[in-house]
Amino acid sequence: MTTFFMHESQHPHLVSFLDYIKFEKRFSAHTLRAYTDDLSTFFDFIKSQFEIHEPAQISATMIRSWMASLTLSKVQPRSINRKISSLKSFIKFCLVQGIMETNPTKAIQVLKTKKRLPSYVEEEQIDQLLNRTEFPDHFDGRTEYLIVSLLYHTGIRVSELVNLQSAQIDFSRKQLKVLGKGNKERIIPVHADLLELIKSYLEEKKIIHPEASYTLLLLAPKGKPVTSRQAYDIVKKYLSLVTTAEKKSPHILRHSFATHLTGNGAELNAVKELLGHTSLAATQVYTHNSIERLRDIHKKAHPKG
């Protein structure tokens, strides 16, 4: 944490903003950390370069100077744009609160970036992972298998996975209720095979960890709640058995879920709802993967490819 945030009593506006996105917007710990780091970087810069301490003193020139310094430090355009987005959110908060009267980010243009398509695992590799890969034959091994299965079959985020309550699974309606970003609730259909897997897991959990009072669905070794880090390590371990792709995170299984749905003809609006996206633009990227795959097939198979 930088000095700008260390002296909280001197900078109540920043403290108020961080409290706002934490308690009212209910942003995840990961997102909160990103906002804190981005704003720390910016305010450290304007304090050292312009001796600026208050939000009302921020100008477009200062923001451009900061962007230039980040570029010189080899920070990627996509990362710079994310930092600008964090700053815009903070300034919007200040405008609403009457802390600032003008918006200096209105004159700021985002940097051009290369379009990056989401990485995903092929359907054949998913089949190999879930149907032909050997998981340990004990409760912890079944926890690992359920983690991988839930991430792929439902497309939920890892933060949603580790906070998933047993009560969120409706066995009679064959669906899962998820509380996503911004406290937004969504319903995801669950296949009968996955429901049976969950049911068996819950029954075994009562026997293996009868002392555990947790309402969480998943339990790590020794009856502890599963952490995001543990889920990441589990996914990486098992994806390494079926793919040589560089990225092997839980989010890749979410990308795979969406890509396979769109590739098999699912309506884009339906995929948007299943993923919990607020705008269709965020979901449309998965159609590009399908188009790129068709191009690749055409190039390899067509005589004039």
C-alpha atoms as a PDB file:
ATOM      1  CA  MET A   1       0.000   0.000   0.000  1.00  0.00           C
ATOM      2  CA  THR A   2       1.376   3.396  -0.932  1.00  0.00           C
ATOM      3  CA  THR A   3       1.581   6.499   1.204  1.00  0.00           C
ATOM      4  CA  PHE A   4      -1.425   7.999  -0.553  1.00  0.00           C
ATOM      5  CA  PHE A   5      -3.629   5.323   0.939  1.00  0.00           C
ATOM      6  CA  MET A   6      -1.711   4.922   4.162  1.00  0.00           C
ATOM      7  CA  HIS A   7      -2.796   8.314   5.522  1.00  0.00           C
ATOM      8  CA  GLU A   8      -6.486   7.555   5.312  1.00  0.00           C
ATOM      9  CA  SER A   9      -7.548  10.427   7.561  1.00  0.00           C
ATOM     10  CA  GLN A  10      -5.992  12.903   5.099  1.00  0.00           C
ATOM     11  CA  HIS A  11      -7.716  11.398   2.081  1.00  0.00           C
ATOM     12  CA  PRO A  12     -11.291  10.514   3.059  1.00  0.00           C
ATOM     13  CA  HIS A  13     -12.546  10.626  -0.544  1.00  0.00           C
ATOM     14  CA  LEU A  14     -10.394   7.695  -1.609  1.00  0.00           C
ATOM     15  CA  VAL A  15     -11.314   5.754   1.491  1.00  0.00           C
ATOM     16  CA  SER A  16     -14.992   6.463   0.799  1.00  0.00           C
ATOM     17  CA  PHE A  17     -14.642   5.263  -2.786  1.00  0.00           C
ATOM     18  CA  LEU A  18     -12.964   2.007  -1.777  1.00  0.00           C
ATOM     19  CA  ASP A  19     -15.626   1.452   0.870  1.00  0.00           C
ATOM     20  CA  TYR A  20     -18.291   2.140  -1.762  1.00  0.00           C
ATOM     21  CA  ILE A  21     -17.037  -0.459  -4.251  1.00  0.00           C
ATOM     22  CA  LYS A  22     -16.428  -2.950  -1.461  1.00  0.00           C
ATOM     23  CA  PHE A  23     -19.639  -2.685   0.546  1.00  0.00           C
ATOM     24  CA  GLU A  24     -22.214  -1.195  -1.841  1.00  0.00           C
ATOM     25  CA  LYS A  25     -21.055  -2.488  -5.230  1.00  0.00           C
ATOM     26  CA  ARG A  26     -19.833  -5.697  -3.549  1.00  0.00           C
ATOM     27  CA  PHE A  27     -16.786  -6.039  -5.805  1.00  0.00           C
ATOM     28  CA  SER A  28     -14.599  -9.071  -5.190  1.00  0.00           C
ATOM     29  CA  ALA A  29     -11.362  -8.874  -3.193  1.00  0.00           C
ATOM     30  CA  HIS A  30      -9.425  -9.346  -6.444  1.00  0.00           C
ATOM     31  CA  THR A  31     -11.206  -6.399  -8.132  1.00  0.00           C
ATOM     32  CA  LEU A  32     -10.842  -4.231  -5.044  1.00  0.00           C
ATOM     33  CA  ARG A  33      -7.109  -4.929  -5.004  1.00  0.00           C
ATOM     34  CA  ALA A  34      -6.840  -3.986  -8.693  1.00  0.00           C
ATOM     35  CA  TYR A  35      -8.644  -0.662  -8.116  1.00  0.00           C
ATOM     36  CA  THR A  36      -6.437   0.081  -5.122  1.00  0.00           C
ATOM     37  CA  ASP A  37      -3.237  -0.686  -7.047  1.00  0.00           C
ATOM     38  CA  ASP A  38      -4.328   1.325 -10.106  1.00  0.00           C
ATOM     39  CA  LEU A  39      -5.300   4.398  -8.093  1.00  0.00           C
ATOM     40  CA  SER A  40      -2.181   4.112  -5.939  1.00  0.00           C
ATOM     41  CA  THR A  41      -0.023   4.200  -9.061  1.00  0.00           C
ATOM     42  CA  PHE A  42      -1.819   7.259 -10.398  1.00  0.00           C
ATOM     43  CA  PHE A  43      -1.805   9.299  -7.204  1.00  0.00           C
ATOM     44  CA  ASP A  44       1.818   8.459  -6.437  1.00  0.00           C
ATOM     45  CA  PHE A  45       2.653   9.801  -9.896  1.00  0.00           C
ATOM     46  CA  ILE A  46       0.755  13.103  -9.678  1.00  0.00           C
ATOM     47  CA  LYS A  47       1.994  13.665  -6.149  1.00  0.00           C
ATOM     48  CA  SER A  48       5.646  13.253  -7.178  1.00  0.00           C
ATOM     49  CA  GLN A  49       5.373  15.040 -10.558  1.00  0.00           C
ATOM     50  CA  PHE A  50       2.844  17.806  -9.853  1.00  0.00           C
ATOM     51  CA  GLU A  51       2.620  17.947  -6.037  1.00  0.00           C
ATOM     52  CA  ILE A  52      -1.101  17.284  -6.312  1.00  0.00           C
ATOM     53  CA  HIS A  53      -2.960  15.899  -3.299  1.00  0.00           C
ATOM     54  CA  GLU A  54      -6.685  16.396  -3.937  1.00  0.00           C
ATOM     55  CA  PRO A  55      -8.973  14.911  -6.635  1.00  0.00           C
ATOM     56  CA  ALA A  56     -10.326  18.362  -7.609  1.00  0.00           C
ATOM     57  CA  GLN A  57      -6.822  19.333  -8.783  1.00  0.00           C
ATOM     58  CA  ILE A  58      -6.566  16.512 -11.352  1.00  0.00           C
ATOM     59  CA  SER A  59      -6.335  17.628 -15.002  1.00  0.00           C
ATOM     60  CA  ALA A  60      -6.351  15.830 -18.363  1.00  0.00           C
ATOM     61  CA  THR A  61      -2.699  16.844 -18.859  1.00  0.00           C
ATOM     62  CA  MET A  62      -1.697  15.027 -15.675  1.00  0.00           C
ATOM     63  CA  ILE A  63      -3.545  11.903 -16.787  1.00  0.00           C
ATOM     64  CA  ARG A  64      -1.850  11.961 -20.205  1.00  0.00           C
ATOM     65  CA  SER A  65       1.544  12.398 -18.541  1.00  0.00           C
ATOM     66  CA  TRP A  66       0.811   9.361 -16.380  1.00  0.00           C
ATOM     67  CA  MET A  67      -0.181   7.315 -19.427  1.00  0.00           C
ATOM     68  CA  ALA A  68       3.036   8.352 -21.167  1.00  0.00           C
ATOM     69  CA  SER A  69       5.136   7.309 -18.163  1.00  0.00           C
ATOM     70  CA  LEU A  70       3.399   3.913 -18.060  1.00  0.00           C
ATOM     71  CA  THR A  71       4.083   3.434 -21.785  1.00  0.00           C
ATOM     72  CA  LEU A  72       7.762   4.291 -21.255  1.00  0.00           C
ATOM     73  CA  SER A  73       7.812   1.706 -18.446  1.00  0.00           C
ATOM     74  CA  LYS A  74       6.669  -0.916 -20.998  1.00  0.00           C
ATOM     75  CA  VAL A  75       3.210  -1.320 -19.450  1.00  0.00           C
ATOM     76  CA  GLN A  76       0.936  -2.913 -22.058  1.00  0.00           C
ATOM     77  CA  PRO A  77      -1.874  -0.789 -23.598  1.00  0.00           C
ATOM     78  CA  ARG A  78      -4.518  -3.177 -22.254  1.00  0.00           C
ATOM     79  CA  SER A  79      -3.212  -2.685 -18.696  1.00  0.00           C
ATOM     80  CA  ILE A  80      -3.051   1.093 -19.135  1.00  0.00           C
ATOM     81  CA  ASN A  81      -6.666   1.123 -20.332  1.00  0.00           C
ATOM     82  CA  ARG A  82      -7.688  -0.859 -17.260  1.00  0.00           C
ATOM     83  CA  LYS A  83      -5.968   1.695 -15.018  1.00  0.00           C
ATOM     84  CA  ILE A  84      -7.767   4.516 -16.843  1.00  0.00           C
ATOM     85  CA  SER A  85     -11.041   2.673 -16.320  1.00  0.00           C
ATOM     86  CA  SER A  86     -10.333   2.508 -12.569  1.00  0.00           C
ATOM     87  CA  LEU A  87      -9.565   6.234 -12.530  1.00  0.00           C
ATOM     88  CA  LYS A  88     -12.779   7.009 -14.441  1.00  0.00           C
ATOM     89  CA  SER A  89     -14.807   5.075 -11.875  1.00  0.00           C
ATOM     90  CA  PHE A  90     -13.185   7.007  -9.043  1.00  0.00           C
ATOM     91  CA  ILE A  91     -13.766  10.373 -10.749  1.00  0.00           C
ATOM     92  CA  LYS A  92     -17.390   9.466 -11.511  1.00  0.00           C
ATOM     93  CA  PHE A  93     -17.817   8.749  -7.794  1.00  0.00           C
ATOM     94  CA  CYS A  94     -16.248  12.133  -6.946  1.00  0.00           C
ATOM     95  CA  LEU A  95     -18.598  13.932  -9.371  1.00  0.00           C
ATOM     96  CA  VAL A  96     -21.675  12.280  -7.846  1.00  0.00           C
ATOM     97  CA  GLN A  97     -20.439  13.167  -4.340  1.00  0.00           C
ATOM     98  CA  GLY A  98     -19.739  16.792  -5.321  1.00  0.00           C
ATOM     99  CA  ILE A  99     -16.014  16.408  -4.656  1.00  0.00           C
ATOM    100  CA  MET A 100     -15.186  17.336  -8.266  1.00  0.00           C
ATOM    101  CA  GLU A 101     -17.036  19.675 -10.642  1.00  0.00           C
ATOM    102  CA  THR A 102     -15.478  18.687 -13.974  1.00  0.00           C
ATOM    103  CA  ASN A 103     -14.444  15.357 -15.464  1.00  0.00           C
ATOM    104  CA  PRO A 104     -10.828  15.463 -16.777  1.00  0.00           C
ATOM    105  CA  THR A 105     -11.120  11.934 -18.228  1.00  0.00           C
ATOM    106  CA  LYS A 106     -13.626  13.127 -20.874  1.00  0.00           C
ATOM    107  CA  ALA A 107     -10.710  14.298 -22.979  1.00  0.00           C
ATOM    108  CA  ILE A 108      -8.786  11.030 -22.569  1.00  0.00           C
ATOM    109  CA  GLN A 109      -8.749   8.500 -25.425  1.00  0.00           C
ATOM    110  CA  VAL A 110      -8.109   4.866 -24.621  1.00  0.00           C
ATOM    111  CA  LEU A 111      -5.140   3.203 -26.285  1.00  0.00           C
ATOM    112  CA  LYS A 112      -5.599   0.875 -29.233  1.00  0.00           C
ATOM    113  CA  THR A 113      -5.088  -2.773 -28.394  1.00  0.00           C
ATOM    114  CA  LYS A 114      -4.879  -5.960 -30.378  1.00  0.00           C
ATOM    115  CA  LYS A 115      -8.099  -7.952 -30.220  1.00  0.00           C
ATOM    116  CA  ARG A 116      -7.382 -10.905 -27.966  1.00  0.00           C
ATOM    117  CA  LEU A 117      -9.646 -13.897 -28.383  1.00  0.00           C
ATOM    118  CA  PRO A 118     -10.409 -15.944 -25.264  1.00  0.00           C
ATOM    119  CA  SER A 119      -8.350 -19.126 -24.930  1.00  0.00           C
ATOM    120  CA  TYR A 120     -10.334 -22.326 -24.564  1.00  0.00           C
ATOM    121  CA  VAL A 121      -9.956 -26.102 -24.458  1.00  0.00           C
ATOM    122  CA  GLU A 122     -11.218 -28.224 -27.360  1.00  0.00           C
ATOM    123  CA  GLU A 123     -14.308 -30.364 -26.774  1.00  0.00           C
ATOM    124  CA  GLU A 124     -12.284 -33.543 -27.346  1.00  0.00           C
ATOM    125  CA  GLN A 125      -9.842 -32.490 -24.624  1.00  0.00           C
ATOM    126  CA  ILE A 126     -12.706 -31.730 -22.219  1.00  0.00           C
ATOM    127  CA  ASP A 127     -14.120 -35.193 -22.944  1.00  0.00           C
ATOM    128  CA  GLN A 128     -10.731 -36.719 -22.192  1.00  0.00           C
ATOM    129  CA  LEU A 129     -10.456 -34.693 -18.984  1.00  0.00           C
ATOM    130  CA  LEU A 130     -13.894 -35.526 -17.584  1.00  0.00           C
ATOM    131  CA  ASN A 131     -14.433 -39.035 -18.925  1.00  0.00           C
ATOM    132  CA  ARG A 132     -11.017 -40.626 -19.401  1.00  0.00           C
ATOM    133  CA  THR A 133      -8.717 -38.947 -16.860  1.00  0.00           C
ATOM    134  CA  GLU A 134      -8.150 -40.771 -13.580  1.00  0.00           C
ATOM    135  CA  PHE A 135      -8.889 -38.720 -10.462  1.00  0.00           C
ATOM    136  CA  PRO A 136      -7.892 -40.051  -6.997  1.00  0.00           C
ATOM    137  CA  ASP A 137     -10.476 -42.464  -5.583  1.00  0.00           C
ATOM    138  CA  HIS A 138     -11.128 -40.657  -2.304  1.00  0.00           C
ATOM    139  CA  PHE A 139     -13.148 -37.672  -1.076  1.00  0.00           C
ATOM    140  CA  ASP A 140     -10.479 -35.073  -1.902  1.00  0.00           C
ATOM    141  CA  GLY A 141     -10.133 -36.561  -5.386  1.00  0.00           C
ATOM    142  CA  ARG A 142     -13.889 -36.320  -5.845  1.00  0.00           C
ATOM    143  CA  THR A 143     -13.707 -32.696  -4.702  1.00  0.00           C
ATOM    144  CA  GLU A 144     -11.163 -32.043  -7.449  1.00  0.00           C
ATOM    145  CA  TYR A 145     -13.346 -33.745 -10.055  1.00  0.00           C
ATOM    146  CA  LEU A 146     -16.420 -31.795  -8.947  1.00  0.00           C
ATOM    147  CA  ILE A 147     -14.501 -28.499  -9.131  1.00  0.00           C
ATOM    148  CA  VAL A 148     -13.450 -29.162 -12.725  1.00  0.00           C
ATOM    149  CA  SER A 149     -16.920 -30.424 -13.669  1.00  0.00           C
ATOM    150  CA  LEU A 150     -18.771 -27.454 -12.164  1.00  0.00           C
ATOM    151  CA  LEU A 151     -16.482 -24.886 -13.796  1.00  0.00           C
ATOM    152  CA  TYR A 152     -16.934 -26.401 -17.249  1.00  0.00           C
ATOM    153  CA  HIS A 153     -20.590 -27.482 -17.108  1.00  0.00           C
ATOM    154  CA  THR A 154     -21.892 -24.214 -15.609  1.00  0.00           C
ATOM    155  CA  GLY A 155     -19.340 -21.601 -16.727  1.00  0.00           C
ATOM    156  CA  ILE A 156     -19.276 -20.018 -13.264  1.00  0.00           C
ATOM    157  CA  ARG A 157     -16.374 -17.856 -12.132  1.00  0.00           C
ATOM    158  CA  VAL A 158     -13.895 -19.272  -9.625  1.00  0.00           C
ATOM    159  CA  SER A 159     -15.053 -16.708  -7.025  1.00  0.00           C
ATOM    160  CA  GLU A 160     -18.624 -17.953  -7.503  1.00  0.00           C
ATOM    161  CA  LEU A 161     -17.450 -21.562  -7.245  1.00  0.00           C
ATOM    162  CA  VAL A 162     -15.636 -21.249  -3.920  1.00  0.00           C
ATOM    163  CA  ASN A 163     -18.579 -19.348  -2.391  1.00  0.00           C
ATOM    164  CA  LEU A 164     -21.189 -21.766  -3.714  1.00  0.00           C
ATOM    165  CA  GLN A 165     -23.619 -22.879  -1.024  1.00  0.00           C
ATOM    166  CA  SER A 166     -25.250 -26.310  -1.042  1.00  0.00           C
ATOM    167  CA  ALA A 167     -28.628 -24.551  -0.763  1.00  0.00           C
ATOM    168  CA  GLN A 168     -28.051 -22.832  -4.115  1.00  0.00           C
ATOM    169  CA  ILE A 169     -28.556 -26.155  -5.915  1.00  0.00           C
ATOM    170  CA  ASP A 170     -32.183 -26.940  -6.720  1.00  0.00           C
ATOM    171  CA  PHE A 171     -32.312 -30.674  -7.423  1.00  0.00           C
ATOM    172  CA  SER A 172     -36.018 -30.750  -8.281  1.00  0.00           C
ATOM    173  CA  ARG A 173     -35.758 -27.964 -10.868  1.00  0.00           C
ATOM    174  CA  LYS A 174     -32.325 -29.136 -12.039  1.00  0.00           C
ATOM    175  CA  GLN A 175     -30.764 -25.718 -11.719  1.00  0.00           C
ATOM    176  CA  LEU A 176     -28.150 -23.716  -9.879  1.00  0.00           C
ATOM    177  CA  LYS A 177     -28.642 -20.219  -8.457  1.00  0.00           C
ATOM    178  CA  VAL A 178     -25.509 -18.086  -8.623  1.00  0.00           C
ATOM    179  CA  LEU A 179     -24.793 -14.730  -7.015  1.00  0.00           C
ATOM    180  CA  GLY A 180     -22.420 -13.023  -9.421  1.00  0.00           C
ATOM    181  CA  LYS A 181     -20.718  -9.657  -9.819  1.00  0.00           C
ATOM    182  CA  GLY A 182     -22.595  -6.710  -8.374  1.00  0.00           C
ATOM    183  CA  ASN A 183     -24.780  -9.091  -6.371  1.00  0.00           C
ATOM    184  CA  LYS A 184     -26.570 -10.037  -9.594  1.00  0.00           C
ATOM    185  CA  GLU A 185     -28.429 -13.334  -9.389  1.00  0.00           C
ATOM    186  CA  ARG A 186     -28.685 -15.773 -12.302  1.00  0.00           C
ATOM    187  CA  ILE A 187     -30.057 -19.271 -12.855  1.00  0.00           C
ATOM    188  CA  ILE A 188     -28.022 -21.962 -14.652  1.00  0.00           C
ATOM    189  CA  PRO A 189     -29.522 -25.301 -15.757  1.00  0.00           C
ATOM    190  CA  VAL A 190     -27.606 -28.337 -14.447  1.00  0.00           C
ATOM    191  CA  HIS A 191     -27.350 -31.670 -16.270  1.00  0.00           C
ATOM    192  CA  ALA A 192     -28.810 -34.708 -14.496  1.00  0.00           C
ATOM    193  CA  ASP A 193     -25.390 -36.442 -14.398  1.00  0.00           C
ATOM    194  CA  LEU A 194     -23.820 -33.461 -12.639  1.00  0.00           C
ATOM    195  CA  LEU A 195     -26.712 -33.319 -10.177  1.00  0.00           C
ATOM    196  CA  GLU A 196     -26.151 -36.982  -9.302  1.00  0.00           C
ATOM    197  CA  LEU A 197     -22.458 -36.238  -8.819  1.00  0.00           C
ATOM    198  CA  ILE A 198     -23.289 -33.358  -6.452  1.00  0.00           C
ATOM    199  CA  LYS A 199     -25.830 -35.456  -4.552  1.00  0.00           C
ATOM    200  CA  SER A 200     -23.303 -38.264  -4.004  1.00  0.00           C
ATOM    201  CA  TYR A 201     -20.682 -35.724  -2.967  1.00  0.00           C
ATOM    202  CA  LEU A 202     -22.978 -34.151  -0.365  1.00  0.00           C
ATOM    203  CA  GLU A 203     -23.813 -37.563   1.102  1.00  0.00           C
ATOM    204  CA  GLU A 204     -20.131 -38.490   1.338  1.00  0.00           C
ATOM    205  CA  LYS A 205     -19.296 -35.083   2.828  1.00  0.00           C
ATOM    206  CA  LYS A 206     -21.651 -35.780   5.757  1.00  0.00           C
ATOM    207  CA  ILE A 207     -19.789 -39.009   6.471  1.00  0.00           C
ATOM    208  CA  ILE A 208     -16.208 -37.802   5.890  1.00  0.00           C
ATOM    209  CA  HIS A 209     -16.593 -34.421   7.606  1.00  0.00           C
ATOM    210  CA  PRO A 210     -19.565 -34.707  10.006  1.00  0.00           C
ATOM    211  CA  GLU A 211     -18.015 -32.028  12.204  1.00  0.00           C
ATOM    212  CA  ALA A 212     -17.932 -29.442   9.412  1.00  0.00           C
ATOM    213  CA  SER A 213     -20.605 -26.816   9.981  1.00  0.00           C
ATOM    214  CA  TYR A 214     -19.912 -25.067   6.692  1.00  0.00           C
ATOM    215  CA  THR A 215     -22.836 -24.495   4.364  1.00  0.00           C
ATOM    216  CA  LEU A 216     -20.411 -24.275   1.445  1.00  0.00           C
ATOM    217  CA  LEU A 217     -20.753 -27.023  -1.149  1.00  0.00           C
ATOM    218  CA  LEU A 218     -17.056 -27.762  -1.577  1.00  0.00           C
ATOM    219  CA  LEU A 219     -14.628 -28.724   1.152  1.00  0.00           C
ATOM    220  CA  ALA A 220     -10.843 -28.844   0.867  1.00  0.00           C
ATOM    221  CA  PRO A 221      -8.699 -31.349   2.821  1.00  0.00           C
ATOM    222  CA  LYS A 222      -9.313 -31.302   6.602  1.00  0.00           C
ATOM    223  CA  GLY A 223     -12.816 -29.933   6.049  1.00  0.00           C
ATOM    224  CA  LYS A 224     -11.652 -26.399   5.218  1.00  0.00           C
ATOM    225  CA  PRO A 225     -13.370 -24.228   2.588  1.00  0.00           C
ATOM    226  CA  VAL A 226     -11.787 -24.404  -0.861  1.00  0.00           C
ATOM    227  CA  THR A 227      -9.845 -21.238  -1.765  1.00  0.00           C
ATOM    228  CA  SER A 228      -9.542 -19.643  -5.202  1.00  0.00           C
ATOM    229  CA  ARG A 229      -5.826 -20.493  -5.168  1.00  0.00           C
ATOM    230  CA  GLN A 230      -6.541 -24.171  -4.510  1.00  0.00           C
ATOM    231  CA  ALA A 231      -9.142 -24.259  -7.297  1.00  0.00           C
ATOM    232  CA  TYR A 232      -6.629 -22.664  -9.662  1.00  0.00           C
ATOM    233  CA  ASP A 233      -3.943 -25.217  -8.792  1.00  0.00           C
ATOM    234  CA  ILE A 234      -6.389 -28.119  -9.233  1.00  0.00           C
ATOM    235  CA  VAL A 235      -7.528 -26.924 -12.665  1.00  0.00           C
ATOM    236  CA  LYS A 236      -3.964 -26.287 -13.790  1.00  0.00           C
ATOM    237  CA  LYS A 237      -2.891 -29.768 -12.678  1.00  0.00           C
ATOM    238  CA  TYR A 238      -5.619 -31.580 -14.598  1.00  0.00           C
ATOM    239  CA  LEU A 239      -5.638 -29.376 -17.690  1.00  0.00           C
ATOM    240  CA  SER A 240      -1.903 -30.069 -17.980  1.00  0.00           C
ATOM    241  CA  LEU A 241      -2.814 -33.723 -18.590  1.00  0.00           C
ATOM    242  CA  VAL A 242      -4.941 -32.981 -21.661  1.00  0.00           C
ATOM    243  CA  THR A 243      -3.604 -29.781 -23.244  1.00  0.00           C
ATOM    244  CA  THR A 244      -0.303 -28.044 -23.939  1.00  0.00           C
ATOM    245  CA  ALA A 245      -2.000 -24.623 -24.047  1.00  0.00           C
ATOM    246  CA  GLU A 246      -0.142 -21.956 -22.112  1.00  0.00           C
ATOM    247  CA  LYS A 247      -3.160 -20.849 -20.066  1.00  0.00           C
ATOM    248  CA  LYS A 248      -4.646 -23.435 -17.710  1.00  0.00           C
ATOM    249  CA  SER A 249      -6.795 -21.458 -15.281  1.00  0.00           C
ATOM    250  CA  PRO A 250     -10.400 -21.861 -14.086  1.00  0.00           C
ATOM    251  CA  HIS A 251     -11.328 -18.985 -16.402  1.00  0.00           C
ATOM    252  CA  ILE A 252     -10.245 -21.111 -19.377  1.00  0.00           C
ATOM    253  CA  LEU A 253     -12.994 -23.587 -18.461  1.00  0.00           C
ATOM    254  CA  ARG A 254     -15.465 -20.671 -18.382  1.00  0.00           C
ATOM    255  CA  HIS A 255     -14.230 -19.630 -21.839  1.00  0.00           C
ATOM    256  CA  SER A 256     -14.565 -23.229 -23.011  1.00  0.00           C
ATOM    257  CA  PHE A 257     -18.142 -23.397 -21.693  1.00  0.00           C
ATOM    258  CA  ALA A 258     -19.122 -20.275 -23.664  1.00  0.00           C
ATOM    259  CA  THR A 259     -17.158 -21.165 -26.798  1.00  0.00           C
ATOM    260  CA  HIS A 260     -18.637 -24.663 -27.008  1.00  0.00           C
ATOM    261  CA  LEU A 261     -22.164 -23.282 -26.508  1.00  0.00           C
ATOM    262  CA  THR A 262     -21.826 -20.684 -29.280  1.00  0.00           C
ATOM    263  CA  GLY A 263     -20.023 -23.162 -31.521  1.00  0.00           C
ATOM    264  CA  ASN A 264     -22.931 -25.568 -31.190  1.00  0.00           C
ATOM    265  CA  GLY A 265     -25.529 -22.961 -32.103  1.00  0.00           C
ATOM    266  CA  ALA A 266     -26.609 -21.506 -28.737  1.00  0.00           C
ATOM    267  CA  GLU A 267     -28.295 -18.109 -28.988  1.00  0.00           C
ATOM    268  CA  LEU A 268     -25.927 -15.341 -27.935  1.00  0.00           C
ATOM    269  CA  ASN A 269     -28.412 -13.712 -25.545  1.00  0.00           C
ATOM    270  CA  ALA A 270     -28.851 -17.036 -23.740  1.00  0.00           C
ATOM    271  CA  VAL A 271     -25.071 -17.413 -23.359  1.00  0.00           C
ATOM    272  CA  LYS A 272     -24.926 -13.831 -22.052  1.00  0.00           C
ATOM    273  CA  GLU A 273     -27.452 -14.679 -19.327  1.00  0.00           C
ATOM    274  CA  LEU A 274     -25.682 -17.917 -18.394  1.00  0.00           C
ATOM    275  CA  LEU A 275     -22.361 -16.118 -18.024  1.00  0.00           C
ATOM    276  CA  GLY A 276     -23.851 -13.225 -16.081  1.00  0.00           C
ATOM    277  CA  HIS A 277     -22.558 -10.586 -18.496  1.00  0.00           C
ATOM    278  CA  THR A 278     -24.120  -7.134 -18.228  1.00  0.00           C
ATOM    279  CA  SER A 279     -23.740  -6.381 -21.950  1.00  0.00           C
ATOM    280  CA  LEU A 280     -23.929  -8.444 -25.115  1.00  0.00           C
ATOM    281  CA  ALA A 281     -20.613  -6.978 -26.285  1.00  0.00           C
ATOM    282  CA  ALA A 282     -18.755  -8.988 -23.637  1.00  0.00           C
ATOM    283  CA  THR A 283     -20.344 -12.189 -24.931  1.00  0.00           C
ATOM    284  CA  GLN A 284     -19.876 -11.505 -28.648  1.00  0.00           C
ATOM    285  CA  VAL A 285     -16.167 -12.260 -28.440  1.00  0.00           C
ATOM    286  CA  TYR A 286     -17.052 -15.963 -28.293  1.00  0.00           C
ATOM    287  CA  THR A 287     -18.569 -15.813 -31.778  1.00  0.00           C
ATOM    288  CA  HIS A 288     -15.152 -14.739 -33.077  1.00  0.00           C
ATOM    289  CA  ASN A 289     -13.668 -17.974 -31.784  1.00  0.00           C
ATOM    290  CA  SER A 290     -16.261 -19.922 -33.771  1.00  0.00           C
ATOM    291  CA  ILE A 291     -15.544 -17.885 -36.903  1.00  0.00           C
ATOM    292  CA  GLU A 292     -11.780 -18.329 -36.512  1.00  0.00           C
ATOM    293  CA  ARG A 293     -12.293 -22.076 -36.126  1.00  0.00           C
ATOM    294  CA  LEU A 294     -14.408 -22.214 -39.297  1.00  0.00           C
ATOM    295  CA  ARG A 295     -11.709 -20.293 -41.162  1.00  0.00           C
ATOM    296  CA  ASP A 296      -9.110 -22.777 -39.965  1.00  0.00           C
ATOM    297  CA  ILE A 297     -11.253 -25.746 -41.074  1.00  0.00           C
ATOM    298  CA  HIS A 298     -11.865 -24.099 -44.454  1.00  0.00           C
ATOM    299  CA  LYS A 299      -8.165 -23.380 -44.942  1.00  0.00           C
ATOM    300  CA  LYS A 300      -7.211 -26.994 -44.216  1.00  0.00           C
ATOM    301  CA  ALA A 301     -10.054 -28.738 -46.054  1.00  0.00           C
ATOM    302  CA  HIS A 302     -11.053 -26.610 -49.040  1.00  0.00           C
ATOM    303  CA  PRO A 303      -9.054 -26.968 -52.293  1.00  0.00           C
ATOM    304  CA  LYS A 304      -8.923 -23.157 -52.604  1.00  0.00           C
ATOM    305  CA  GLY A 305      -8.361 -22.625 -48.865  1.00  0.00           C
END
